[in-house]
PDB file of all heavy atoms in Angstrom:
ATOM      1  N   ASN A   1     -20.477 -19.282   3.642  1.00  0.00           N
ATOM      2  CA  ASN A   1     -21.255 -18.057   3.522  1.00  0.00           C
ATOM      3  C   ASN A   1     -22.572 -18.446   2.979  1.00  0.00           C
ATOM      4  O   ASN A   1     -22.637 -19.096   1.976  1.00  0.00           O
ATOM      5  CB  ASN A   1     -20.516 -16.968   2.626  1.00  0.00           C
ATOM      6  CG  ASN A   1     -19.370 -16.429   3.322  1.00  0.00           C
ATOM      7  OD1 ASN A   1     -19.289 -16.319   4.560  1.00  0.00           O
ATOM      8  ND2 ASN A   1     -18.286 -16.171   2.513  1.00  0.00           N
ATOM      9  N   LYS A   2     -23.695 -17.903   3.686  1.00  0.00           N
ATOM     10  CA  LYS A   2     -24.984 -18.192   3.119  1.00  0.00           C
ATOM     11  C   LYS A   2     -25.728 -16.830   3.035  1.00  0.00           C
ATOM     12  O   LYS A   2     -25.646 -15.940   3.944  1.00  0.00           O
ATOM     13  CB  LYS A   2     -25.841 -19.064   4.002  1.00  0.00           C
ATOM     14  CG  LYS A   2     -25.291 -20.576   3.916  1.00  0.00           C
ATOM     15  CD  LYS A   2     -26.159 -21.459   4.871  1.00  0.00           C
ATOM     16  CE  LYS A   2     -25.627 -22.890   4.751  1.00  0.00           C
ATOM     17  NZ  LYS A   2     -26.477 -23.842   5.530  1.00  0.00           N
ATOM     18  N   THR A   3     -26.481 -16.623   1.967  1.00  0.00           N
ATOM     19  CA  THR A   3     -27.345 -15.461   1.883  1.00  0.00           C
ATOM     20  C   THR A   3     -28.750 -15.858   2.235  1.00  0.00           C
ATOM     21  O   THR A   3     -29.373 -16.662   1.576  1.00  0.00           O
ATOM     22  CB  THR A   3     -27.347 -14.947   0.384  1.00  0.00           C
ATOM     23  OG1 THR A   3     -25.995 -14.654  -0.002  1.00  0.00           O
ATOM     24  CG2 THR A   3     -28.192 -13.660   0.310  1.00  0.00           C
ATOM     25  N   TYR A   4     -29.259 -15.214   3.300  1.00  0.00           N
ATOM     26  CA  TYR A   4     -30.633 -15.560   3.695  1.00  0.00           C
ATOM     27  C   TYR A   4     -31.659 -14.766   3.109  1.00  0.00           C
ATOM     28  O   TYR A   4     -31.511 -13.608   2.783  1.00  0.00           O
ATOM     29  CB  TYR A   4     -30.639 -15.466   5.321  1.00  0.00           C
ATOM     30  CG  TYR A   4     -29.761 -16.487   5.959  1.00  0.00           C
ATOM     31  CD1 TYR A   4     -28.553 -16.195   6.382  1.00  0.00           C
ATOM     32  CD2 TYR A   4     -30.326 -17.698   6.203  1.00  0.00           C
ATOM     33  CE1 TYR A   4     -27.732 -17.200   7.015  1.00  0.00           C
ATOM     34  CE2 TYR A   4     -29.636 -18.739   6.894  1.00  0.00           C
ATOM     35  CZ  TYR A   4     -28.287 -18.422   7.325  1.00  0.00           C
ATOM     36  OH  TYR A   4     -27.537 -19.377   7.899  1.00  0.00           O
ATOM     37  N   VAL A   5     -32.761 -15.386   2.878  1.00  0.00           N
ATOM     38  CA  VAL A   5     -33.927 -14.822   2.235  1.00  0.00           C
ATOM     39  C   VAL A   5     -34.485 -13.691   2.999  1.00  0.00           C
ATOM     40  O   VAL A   5     -34.768 -13.792   4.121  1.00  0.00           O
ATOM     41  CB  VAL A   5     -34.996 -15.867   1.920  1.00  0.00           C
ATOM     42  CG1 VAL A   5     -36.250 -15.259   1.339  1.00  0.00           C
ATOM     43  CG2 VAL A   5     -34.479 -16.958   0.909  1.00  0.00           C
ATOM     44  N   THR A   6     -34.750 -12.487   2.415  1.00  0.00           N
ATOM     45  CA  THR A   6     -35.403 -11.427   3.042  1.00  0.00           C
ATOM     46  C   THR A   6     -36.789 -11.162   2.379  1.00  0.00           C
ATOM     47  O   THR A   6     -37.605 -10.403   3.001  1.00  0.00           O
ATOM     48  CB  THR A   6     -34.613 -10.094   2.831  1.00  0.00           C
ATOM     49  OG1 THR A   6     -34.415  -9.870   1.350  1.00  0.00           O
ATOM     50  CG2 THR A   6     -33.200 -10.311   3.528  1.00  0.00           C
ATOM     51  N   GLU A   7     -37.158 -11.792   1.319  1.00  0.00           N
ATOM     52  CA  GLU A   7     -38.498 -11.739   0.704  1.00  0.00           C
ATOM     53  C   GLU A   7     -38.706 -12.975  -0.074  1.00  0.00           C
ATOM     54  O   GLU A   7     -37.888 -13.703  -0.496  1.00  0.00           O
ATOM     55  CB  GLU A   7     -38.550 -10.435  -0.174  1.00  0.00           C
ATOM     56  CG  GLU A   7     -37.639 -10.515  -1.357  1.00  0.00           C
ATOM     57  CD  GLU A   7     -37.833  -9.222  -2.284  1.00  0.00           C
ATOM     58  OE1 GLU A   7     -38.459  -8.245  -1.821  1.00  0.00           O
ATOM     59  OE2 GLU A   7     -37.284  -9.339  -3.356  1.00  0.00           O
ATOM     60  N   PHE A   8     -39.972 -13.204  -0.383  1.00  0.00           N
ATOM     61  CA  PHE A   8     -40.444 -14.374  -1.116  1.00  0.00           C
ATOM     62  C   PHE A   8     -41.213 -13.945  -2.348  1.00  0.00           C
ATOM     63  O   PHE A   8     -41.782 -12.841  -2.377  1.00  0.00           O
ATOM     64  CB  PHE A   8     -41.396 -15.298  -0.239  1.00  0.00           C
ATOM     65  CG  PHE A   8     -40.633 -15.949   0.921  1.00  0.00           C
ATOM     66  CD1 PHE A   8     -40.838 -15.276   2.213  1.00  0.00           C
ATOM     67  CD2 PHE A   8     -39.826 -17.058   0.864  1.00  0.00           C
ATOM     68  CE1 PHE A   8     -40.121 -15.874   3.306  1.00  0.00           C
ATOM     69  CE2 PHE A   8     -39.257 -17.579   1.985  1.00  0.00           C
ATOM     70  CZ  PHE A   8     -39.433 -16.997   3.217  1.00  0.00           C
ATOM     71  N   VAL A   9     -41.105 -14.841  -3.316  1.00  0.00           N
ATOM     72  CA  VAL A   9     -41.965 -14.563  -4.513  1.00  0.00           C
ATOM     73  C   VAL A   9     -43.151 -15.585  -4.525  1.00  0.00           C
ATOM     74  O   VAL A   9     -42.946 -16.821  -4.386  1.00  0.00           O
ATOM     75  CB  VAL A   9     -41.143 -14.755  -5.822  1.00  0.00           C
ATOM     76  CG1 VAL A   9     -42.007 -14.691  -6.977  1.00  0.00           C
ATOM     77  CG2 VAL A   9     -39.948 -13.850  -5.833  1.00  0.00           C
ATOM     78  N   ILE A  10     -44.319 -15.061  -4.497  1.00  0.00           N
ATOM     79  CA  ILE A  10     -45.524 -15.852  -4.541  1.00  0.00           C
ATOM     80  C   ILE A  10     -45.866 -16.330  -5.944  1.00  0.00           C
ATOM     81  O   ILE A  10     -46.195 -15.414  -6.828  1.00  0.00           O
ATOM     82  CB  ILE A  10     -46.756 -15.199  -4.037  1.00  0.00           C
ATOM     83  CG1 ILE A  10     -46.488 -14.726  -2.468  1.00  0.00           C
ATOM     84  CG2 ILE A  10     -48.007 -16.088  -3.994  1.00  0.00           C
ATOM     85  CD1 ILE A  10     -46.269 -15.754  -1.529  1.00  0.00           C
ATOM     86  N   LEU A  11     -45.709 -17.584  -6.368  1.00  0.00           N
ATOM     87  CA  LEU A  11     -45.806 -17.968  -7.713  1.00  0.00           C
ATOM     88  C   LEU A  11     -47.270 -17.959  -8.135  1.00  0.00           C
ATOM     89  O   LEU A  11     -47.639 -17.569  -9.215  1.00  0.00           O
ATOM     90  CB  LEU A  11     -45.261 -19.479  -7.867  1.00  0.00           C
ATOM     91  CG  LEU A  11     -45.314 -19.987  -9.274  1.00  0.00           C
ATOM     92  CD1 LEU A  11     -44.403 -19.173 -10.222  1.00  0.00           C
ATOM     93  CD2 LEU A  11     -44.875 -21.477  -9.256  1.00  0.00           C
ATOM     94  N   GLY A  12     -48.096 -18.351  -7.218  1.00  0.00           N
ATOM     95  CA  GLY A  12     -49.564 -18.285  -7.459  1.00  0.00           C
ATOM     96  C   GLY A  12     -49.987 -18.976  -8.800  1.00  0.00           C
ATOM     97  O   GLY A  12     -49.619 -20.190  -8.931  1.00  0.00           O
ATOM     98  N   PHE A  13     -50.621 -18.264  -9.661  1.00  0.00           N
ATOM     99  CA  PHE A  13     -51.023 -18.782 -10.896  1.00  0.00           C
ATOM    100  C   PHE A  13     -50.323 -18.224 -12.121  1.00  0.00           C
ATOM    101  O   PHE A  13     -50.883 -18.101 -13.197  1.00  0.00           O
ATOM    102  CB  PHE A  13     -52.565 -18.667 -11.065  1.00  0.00           C
ATOM    103  CG  PHE A  13     -53.303 -19.313  -9.927  1.00  0.00           C
ATOM    104  CD1 PHE A  13     -53.771 -18.549  -8.906  1.00  0.00           C
ATOM    105  CD2 PHE A  13     -53.600 -20.701  -9.936  1.00  0.00           C
ATOM    106  CE1 PHE A  13     -54.522 -19.153  -7.871  1.00  0.00           C
ATOM    107  CE2 PHE A  13     -54.283 -21.361  -8.890  1.00  0.00           C
ATOM    108  CZ  PHE A  13     -54.720 -20.530  -7.818  1.00  0.00           C
ATOM    109  N   LEU A  14     -49.057 -17.774 -11.873  1.00  0.00           N
ATOM    110  CA  LEU A  14     -48.257 -17.132 -12.964  1.00  0.00           C
ATOM    111  C   LEU A  14     -47.905 -18.071 -13.978  1.00  0.00           C
ATOM    112  O   LEU A  14     -47.661 -17.660 -15.133  1.00  0.00           O
ATOM    113  CB  LEU A  14     -46.999 -16.518 -12.339  1.00  0.00           C
ATOM    114  CG  LEU A  14     -47.196 -15.286 -11.333  1.00  0.00           C
ATOM    115  CD1 LEU A  14     -45.840 -14.856 -10.853  1.00  0.00           C
ATOM    116  CD2 LEU A  14     -47.893 -14.164 -12.007  1.00  0.00           C
ATOM    117  N   THR A  15     -48.049 -19.438 -13.692  1.00  0.00           N
ATOM    118  CA  THR A  15     -47.792 -20.408 -14.829  1.00  0.00           C
ATOM    119  C   THR A  15     -48.923 -20.585 -15.706  1.00  0.00           C
ATOM    120  O   THR A  15     -48.802 -21.264 -16.727  1.00  0.00           O
ATOM    121  CB  THR A  15     -47.476 -21.809 -14.140  1.00  0.00           C
ATOM    122  OG1 THR A  15     -48.472 -22.141 -13.268  1.00  0.00           O
ATOM    123  CG2 THR A  15     -46.162 -21.661 -13.325  1.00  0.00           C
ATOM    124  N   LEU A  16     -50.023 -19.888 -15.451  1.00  0.00           N
ATOM    125  CA  LEU A  16     -51.194 -19.872 -16.336  1.00  0.00           C
ATOM    126  C   LEU A  16     -51.646 -18.575 -16.780  1.00  0.00           C
ATOM    127  O   LEU A  16     -52.621 -17.990 -16.393  1.00  0.00           O
ATOM    128  CB  LEU A  16     -52.359 -20.578 -15.553  1.00  0.00           C
ATOM    129  CG  LEU A  16     -52.164 -22.011 -15.013  1.00  0.00           C
ATOM    130  CD1 LEU A  16     -53.265 -22.428 -14.100  1.00  0.00           C
ATOM    131  CD2 LEU A  16     -52.021 -22.959 -16.188  1.00  0.00           C
ATOM    132  N   PRO A  17     -50.698 -17.840 -17.518  1.00  0.00           N
ATOM    133  CA  PRO A  17     -50.985 -16.451 -17.848  1.00  0.00           C
ATOM    134  C   PRO A  17     -52.256 -16.242 -18.649  1.00  0.00           C
ATOM    135  O   PRO A  17     -52.949 -15.247 -18.616  1.00  0.00           O
ATOM    136  CB  PRO A  17     -49.743 -16.070 -18.664  1.00  0.00           C
ATOM    137  CG  PRO A  17     -49.117 -17.340 -19.206  1.00  0.00           C
ATOM    138  CD  PRO A  17     -49.482 -18.294 -18.086  1.00  0.00           C
ATOM    139  N   GLU A  18     -52.633 -17.232 -19.491  1.00  0.00           N
ATOM    140  CA  GLU A  18     -53.840 -17.118 -20.222  1.00  0.00           C
ATOM    141  C   GLU A  18     -55.127 -17.166 -19.499  1.00  0.00           C
ATOM    142  O   GLU A  18     -56.186 -16.781 -19.927  1.00  0.00           O
ATOM    143  CB  GLU A  18     -53.831 -18.216 -21.347  1.00  0.00           C
ATOM    144  CG  GLU A  18     -54.051 -19.701 -20.751  1.00  0.00           C
ATOM    145  CD  GLU A  18     -52.756 -20.304 -20.243  1.00  0.00           C
ATOM    146  OE1 GLU A  18     -51.777 -19.652 -20.243  1.00  0.00           O
ATOM    147  OE2 GLU A  18     -52.858 -21.457 -19.778  1.00  0.00           O
ATOM    148  N   LEU A  19     -54.999 -17.671 -18.188  1.00  0.00           N
ATOM    149  CA  LEU A  19     -56.193 -17.759 -17.338  1.00  0.00           C
ATOM    150  C   LEU A  19     -56.253 -16.638 -16.315  1.00  0.00           C
ATOM    151  O   LEU A  19     -57.195 -16.661 -15.568  1.00  0.00           O
ATOM    152  CB  LEU A  19     -56.196 -19.169 -16.622  1.00  0.00           C
ATOM    153  CG  LEU A  19     -56.372 -20.370 -17.547  1.00  0.00           C
ATOM    154  CD1 LEU A  19     -56.386 -21.596 -16.731  1.00  0.00           C
ATOM    155  CD2 LEU A  19     -57.762 -20.313 -18.359  1.00  0.00           C
ATOM    156  N   LYS A  20     -55.204 -15.829 -16.218  1.00  0.00           N
ATOM    157  CA  LYS A  20     -55.149 -14.805 -15.154  1.00  0.00           C
ATOM    158  C   LYS A  20     -56.376 -13.939 -15.047  1.00  0.00           C
ATOM    159  O   LYS A  20     -57.002 -13.710 -13.958  1.00  0.00           O
ATOM    160  CB  LYS A  20     -53.961 -14.040 -15.270  1.00  0.00           C
ATOM    161  CG  LYS A  20     -52.682 -14.765 -14.892  1.00  0.00           C
ATOM    162  CD  LYS A  20     -51.394 -13.941 -15.055  1.00  0.00           C
ATOM    163  CE  LYS A  20     -51.329 -12.764 -14.117  1.00  0.00           C
ATOM    164  NZ  LYS A  20     -50.076 -11.986 -14.294  1.00  0.00           N
ATOM    165  N   LEU A  21     -56.799 -13.391 -16.177  1.00  0.00           N
ATOM    166  CA  LEU A  21     -57.979 -12.516 -16.162  1.00  0.00           C
ATOM    167  C   LEU A  21     -59.295 -13.258 -15.770  1.00  0.00           C
ATOM    168  O   LEU A  21     -60.070 -12.775 -14.925  1.00  0.00           O
ATOM    169  CB  LEU A  21     -58.218 -11.868 -17.565  1.00  0.00           C
ATOM    170  CG  LEU A  21     -59.296 -10.904 -17.687  1.00  0.00           C
ATOM    171  CD1 LEU A  21     -59.105  -9.779 -16.693  1.00  0.00           C
ATOM    172  CD2 LEU A  21     -59.398 -10.279 -19.093  1.00  0.00           C
ATOM    173  N   LEU A  22     -59.469 -14.409 -16.301  1.00  0.00           N
ATOM    174  CA  LEU A  22     -60.577 -15.315 -15.951  1.00  0.00           C
ATOM    175  C   LEU A  22     -60.671 -15.644 -14.423  1.00  0.00           C
ATOM    176  O   LEU A  22     -61.642 -15.497 -13.754  1.00  0.00           O
ATOM    177  CB  LEU A  22     -60.642 -16.565 -16.789  1.00  0.00           C
ATOM    178  CG  LEU A  22     -61.770 -17.574 -16.472  1.00  0.00           C
ATOM    179  CD1 LEU A  22     -63.061 -16.962 -16.684  1.00  0.00           C
ATOM    180  CD2 LEU A  22     -61.595 -18.866 -17.262  1.00  0.00           C
ATOM    181  N   LEU A  23     -59.452 -16.017 -13.919  1.00  0.00           N
ATOM    182  CA  LEU A  23     -59.391 -16.345 -12.512  1.00  0.00           C
ATOM    183  C   LEU A  23     -59.676 -15.110 -11.614  1.00  0.00           C
ATOM    184  O   LEU A  23     -60.296 -15.218 -10.597  1.00  0.00           O
ATOM    185  CB  LEU A  23     -57.912 -16.861 -12.181  1.00  0.00           C
ATOM    186  CG  LEU A  23     -57.639 -18.249 -12.781  1.00  0.00           C
ATOM    187  CD1 LEU A  23     -56.198 -18.594 -12.559  1.00  0.00           C
ATOM    188  CD2 LEU A  23     -58.520 -19.374 -12.187  1.00  0.00           C
ATOM    189  N   PHE A  24     -59.093 -13.951 -12.128  1.00  0.00           N
ATOM    190  CA  PHE A  24     -59.444 -12.743 -11.305  1.00  0.00           C
ATOM    191  C   PHE A  24     -60.879 -12.460 -11.211  1.00  0.00           C
ATOM    192  O   PHE A  24     -61.479 -12.148 -10.170  1.00  0.00           O
ATOM    193  CB  PHE A  24     -58.656 -11.578 -11.930  1.00  0.00           C
ATOM    194  CG  PHE A  24     -58.920 -10.179 -11.301  1.00  0.00           C
ATOM    195  CD1 PHE A  24     -58.185  -9.905 -10.174  1.00  0.00           C
ATOM    196  CD2 PHE A  24     -59.803  -9.353 -11.728  1.00  0.00           C
ATOM    197  CE1 PHE A  24     -58.498  -8.751  -9.448  1.00  0.00           C
ATOM    198  CE2 PHE A  24     -60.137  -8.199 -11.139  1.00  0.00           C
ATOM    199  CZ  PHE A  24     -59.439  -7.788 -10.051  1.00  0.00           C
ATOM    200  N   VAL A  25     -61.612 -12.483 -12.330  1.00  0.00           N
ATOM    201  CA  VAL A  25     -63.041 -12.284 -12.410  1.00  0.00           C
ATOM    202  C   VAL A  25     -63.765 -13.193 -11.563  1.00  0.00           C
ATOM    203  O   VAL A  25     -64.669 -12.830 -10.718  1.00  0.00           O
ATOM    204  CB  VAL A  25     -63.553 -12.273 -13.853  1.00  0.00           C
ATOM    205  CG1 VAL A  25     -65.048 -12.173 -13.855  1.00  0.00           C
ATOM    206  CG2 VAL A  25     -62.900 -11.192 -14.634  1.00  0.00           C
ATOM    207  N   VAL A  26     -63.476 -14.543 -11.640  1.00  0.00           N
ATOM    208  CA  VAL A  26     -64.192 -15.617 -10.947  1.00  0.00           C
ATOM    209  C   VAL A  26     -63.957 -15.450  -9.456  1.00  0.00           C
ATOM    210  O   VAL A  26     -64.912 -15.435  -8.635  1.00  0.00           O
ATOM    211  CB  VAL A  26     -63.668 -17.013 -11.450  1.00  0.00           C
ATOM    212  CG1 VAL A  26     -64.277 -18.072 -10.476  1.00  0.00           C
ATOM    213  CG2 VAL A  26     -64.164 -17.271 -12.871  1.00  0.00           C
ATOM    214  N   PHE A  27     -62.782 -15.309  -9.054  1.00  0.00           N
ATOM    215  CA  PHE A  27     -62.431 -15.144  -7.587  1.00  0.00           C
ATOM    216  C   PHE A  27     -62.830 -13.923  -6.914  1.00  0.00           C
ATOM    217  O   PHE A  27     -63.182 -13.879  -5.790  1.00  0.00           O
ATOM    218  CB  PHE A  27     -60.931 -15.507  -7.332  1.00  0.00           C
ATOM    219  CG  PHE A  27     -60.456 -16.888  -7.656  1.00  0.00           C
ATOM    220  CD1 PHE A  27     -59.384 -17.170  -8.408  1.00  0.00           C
ATOM    221  CD2 PHE A  27     -61.265 -18.032  -7.201  1.00  0.00           C
ATOM    222  CE1 PHE A  27     -59.044 -18.484  -8.690  1.00  0.00           C
ATOM    223  CE2 PHE A  27     -60.939 -19.342  -7.453  1.00  0.00           C
ATOM    224  CZ  PHE A  27     -59.787 -19.525  -8.198  1.00  0.00           C
ATOM    225  N   SER A  28     -62.930 -12.887  -7.781  1.00  0.00           N
ATOM    226  CA  SER A  28     -63.363 -11.564  -7.264  1.00  0.00           C
ATOM    227  C   SER A  28     -64.846 -11.725  -6.968  1.00  0.00           C
ATOM    228  O   SER A  28     -65.337 -11.251  -5.945  1.00  0.00           O
ATOM    229  CB  SER A  28     -63.183 -10.470  -8.321  1.00  0.00           C
ATOM    230  OG  SER A  28     -61.754 -10.166  -8.473  1.00  0.00           O
ATOM    231  N   CYS A  29     -65.665 -12.405  -7.841  1.00  0.00           N
ATOM    232  CA  CYS A  29     -67.107 -12.606  -7.590  1.00  0.00           C
ATOM    233  C   CYS A  29     -67.337 -13.535  -6.428  1.00  0.00           C
ATOM    234  O   CYS A  29     -68.127 -13.192  -5.581  1.00  0.00           O
ATOM    235  CB  CYS A  29     -67.673 -13.202  -8.917  1.00  0.00           C
ATOM    236  SG  CYS A  29     -67.743 -12.104 -10.311  1.00  0.00           S
ATOM    237  N   LEU A  30     -66.524 -14.530  -6.321  1.00  0.00           N
ATOM    238  CA  LEU A  30     -66.673 -15.491  -5.155  1.00  0.00           C
ATOM    239  C   LEU A  30     -66.354 -14.774  -3.874  1.00  0.00           C
ATOM    240  O   LEU A  30     -66.985 -14.965  -2.825  1.00  0.00           O
ATOM    241  CB  LEU A  30     -65.773 -16.714  -5.384  1.00  0.00           C
ATOM    242  CG  LEU A  30     -66.182 -17.681  -6.453  1.00  0.00           C
ATOM    243  CD1 LEU A  30     -65.121 -18.780  -6.560  1.00  0.00           C
ATOM    244  CD2 LEU A  30     -67.589 -18.215  -6.225  1.00  0.00           C
ATOM    245  N   TYR A  31     -65.278 -14.064  -3.827  1.00  0.00           N
ATOM    246  CA  TYR A  31     -64.906 -13.220  -2.614  1.00  0.00           C
ATOM    247  C   TYR A  31     -65.999 -12.280  -2.260  1.00  0.00           C
ATOM    248  O   TYR A  31     -66.337 -12.119  -1.071  1.00  0.00           O
ATOM    249  CB  TYR A  31     -63.584 -12.588  -2.817  1.00  0.00           C
ATOM    250  CG  TYR A  31     -63.111 -11.759  -1.653  1.00  0.00           C
ATOM    251  CD1 TYR A  31     -62.879 -12.346  -0.425  1.00  0.00           C
ATOM    252  CD2 TYR A  31     -63.082 -10.351  -1.683  1.00  0.00           C
ATOM    253  CE1 TYR A  31     -62.399 -11.656   0.674  1.00  0.00           C
ATOM    254  CE2 TYR A  31     -62.674  -9.650  -0.583  1.00  0.00           C
ATOM    255  CZ  TYR A  31     -62.288 -10.221   0.604  1.00  0.00           C
ATOM    256  OH  TYR A  31     -61.925  -9.529   1.678  1.00  0.00           O
ATOM    257  N   PHE A  32     -66.508 -11.573  -3.147  1.00  0.00           N
ATOM    258  CA  PHE A  32     -67.616 -10.548  -2.940  1.00  0.00           C
ATOM    259  C   PHE A  32     -68.799 -11.289  -2.309  1.00  0.00           C
ATOM    260  O   PHE A  32     -69.389 -10.761  -1.356  1.00  0.00           O
ATOM    261  CB  PHE A  32     -68.025  -9.886  -4.255  1.00  0.00           C
ATOM    262  CG  PHE A  32     -69.153  -8.993  -4.118  1.00  0.00           C
ATOM    263  CD1 PHE A  32     -69.062  -7.720  -3.556  1.00  0.00           C
ATOM    264  CD2 PHE A  32     -70.437  -9.334  -4.535  1.00  0.00           C
ATOM    265  CE1 PHE A  32     -70.089  -6.786  -3.399  1.00  0.00           C
ATOM    266  CE2 PHE A  32     -71.520  -8.452  -4.473  1.00  0.00           C
ATOM    267  CZ  PHE A  32     -71.366  -7.256  -3.834  1.00  0.00           C
ATOM    268  N   LEU A  33     -69.192 -12.431  -2.931  1.00  0.00           N
ATOM    269  CA  LEU A  33     -70.325 -13.119  -2.398  1.00  0.00           C
ATOM    270  C   LEU A  33     -70.125 -13.616  -1.006  1.00  0.00           C
ATOM    271  O   LEU A  33     -70.991 -13.727  -0.187  1.00  0.00           O
ATOM    272  CB  LEU A  33     -70.704 -14.285  -3.447  1.00  0.00           C
ATOM    273  CG  LEU A  33     -71.165 -13.857  -4.718  1.00  0.00           C
ATOM    274  CD1 LEU A  33     -71.389 -15.051  -5.607  1.00  0.00           C
ATOM    275  CD2 LEU A  33     -72.559 -13.166  -4.608  1.00  0.00           C
ATOM    276  N   THR A  34     -68.811 -14.125  -0.708  1.00  0.00           N
ATOM    277  CA  THR A  34     -68.447 -14.602   0.528  1.00  0.00           C
ATOM    278  C   THR A  34     -68.607 -13.513   1.606  1.00  0.00           C
ATOM    279  O   THR A  34     -69.134 -13.775   2.723  1.00  0.00           O
ATOM    280  CB  THR A  34     -67.019 -15.179   0.582  1.00  0.00           C
ATOM    281  OG1 THR A  34     -66.994 -16.242  -0.420  1.00  0.00           O
ATOM    282  CG2 THR A  34     -66.663 -15.591   1.887  1.00  0.00           C
TER     283      THR A  34
END
C-alpha cells in the first residue's frame, strides 16, 4: 500500500526565518522594477 502525494510543501526560505522580512522587501522591490 502506498499513499500518493496530493499536495506539496514549498520549503522556500523557511529555514531562514530571521531573513524573511528582508527577503520579502528586497524581492518585492526587484519584482516591481522588473
